[in-house]
Amino acid sequence: MYDFAIIAGNSPELTDELVERLFEVGADDCSAGTCDGVMSIDFHREADSFEAAVRSAIGHMQAVGLTASRVIVDADAPALRG
């Protein structure tokens, strides 16, 4: 299990419809929020590797018209330590 956040590059308005679309394309392991007009999406994703988790998350974002500007990872996250 990998926990990380992705900052949306195009930062559209966060609406219930956008969140529903994320779930519809398979991103049912995420939660979205905004701060100072910047949208971030937190993922709690199962995958064979961290890279696969991030790639699939970005794919889900792109499927609903979002772009990824950067990935944020907590260096103390258990999944990254071992």
Protein backbone atom coordinates (compact mmCIF):
# COMPACT_ATOMS: atom_id res chain seq x y z
CA MET A 1 0.00 0.00 0.00
CA TYR A 2 1.38 3.39 -0.99
CA ASP A 3 0.27 6.75 0.39
CA PHE A 4 1.04 9.92 -1.55
CA ALA A 5 -0.53 13.12 -2.83
CA ILE A 6 -0.52 14.58 -6.31
CA ILE A 7 -0.86 18.30 -6.93
CA ALA A 8 -3.11 19.05 -9.90
CA GLY A 9 -1.34 21.32 -12.36
CA ASN A 10 -4.44 22.87 -13.83
CA SER A 11 -6.21 23.20 -10.43
CA PRO A 12 -9.83 23.36 -11.54
CA GLU A 13 -12.62 24.02 -9.07
CA LEU A 14 -13.18 21.07 -6.77
CA THR A 15 -16.77 19.94 -7.24
CA ASP A 16 -18.79 16.91 -6.20
CA GLU A 17 -19.05 16.05 -9.90
CA LEU A 18 -15.26 15.95 -10.29
CA VAL A 19 -14.91 13.70 -7.25
CA GLU A 20 -17.65 11.41 -8.61
CA ARG A 21 -15.86 11.22 -11.96
CA LEU A 22 -12.62 10.23 -10.23
CA PHE A 23 -14.45 7.40 -8.46
CA GLU A 24 -16.14 6.34 -11.72
CA VAL A 25 -12.77 5.92 -13.50
CA GLY A 26 -11.46 3.77 -10.65
CA ALA A 27 -9.83 6.23 -8.25
CA ASP A 28 -11.98 5.13 -5.32
CA ASP A 29 -8.91 5.24 -3.06
CA CYS A 30 -8.48 9.01 -3.13
CA SER A 31 -9.67 12.15 -1.45
CA ALA A 32 -9.35 15.59 -2.96
CA GLY A 33 -8.97 18.99 -1.38
CA THR A 34 -7.89 22.53 -2.13
CA CYS A 35 -5.76 25.06 -0.32
CA ASP A 36 -5.19 28.58 -1.64
CA GLY A 37 -6.67 27.57 -5.00
CA VAL A 38 -4.37 24.55 -5.43
CA MET A 39 -5.95 21.12 -5.67
CA SER A 40 -4.25 18.10 -4.19
CA ILE A 41 -5.45 14.53 -4.31
CA ASP A 42 -4.38 12.08 -1.62
CA PHE A 43 -4.09 8.45 -2.72
CA HIS A 44 -3.95 5.28 -0.62
CA ARG A 45 -3.13 2.85 -3.42
CA GLU A 46 -2.29 -0.83 -3.70
CA ALA A 47 0.19 -1.65 -6.46
CA ASP A 48 3.22 -3.82 -7.20
CA SER A 49 5.53 -0.81 -6.84
CA PHE A 50 5.48 2.86 -5.91
CA GLU A 51 6.04 3.78 -9.55
CA ALA A 52 3.05 1.68 -10.65
CA ALA A 53 0.90 3.31 -7.95
CA VAL A 54 1.81 6.82 -9.07
CA ARG A 55 1.43 6.03 -12.77
CA SER A 56 -2.04 4.59 -12.27
CA ALA A 57 -3.08 7.56 -10.12
CA ILE A 58 -1.89 10.00 -12.78
CA GLY A 59 -3.79 7.98 -15.38
CA HIS A 60 -6.98 8.31 -13.36
CA MET A 61 -6.42 12.05 -13.03
CA GLN A 62 -5.86 12.42 -16.77
CA ALA A 63 -9.03 10.44 -17.46
CA VAL A 64 -11.05 13.23 -15.83
CA GLY A 65 -9.10 16.08 -17.42
CA LEU A 66 -6.62 16.81 -14.63
CA THR A 67 -2.89 17.19 -15.03
CA ALA A 68 -0.29 16.24 -12.43
CA SER A 69 2.25 18.85 -11.48
CA ARG A 70 4.08 17.04 -8.69
CA VAL A 71 3.92 14.09 -6.34
CA ILE A 72 4.29 14.57 -2.61
CA VAL A 73 5.47 11.68 -0.45
CA ASP A 74 5.89 11.51 3.30
CA ALA A 75 9.44 10.21 3.76
CA ASP A 76 8.40 8.50 6.99
CA ALA A 77 5.61 6.52 5.33
CA PRO A 78 5.95 2.83 6.27
CA ALA A 79 5.44 1.67 2.67
CA LEU A 80 8.55 3.58 1.59
CA ARG A 81 10.74 2.36 4.42
CA GLY A 82 10.44 -1.29 3.86
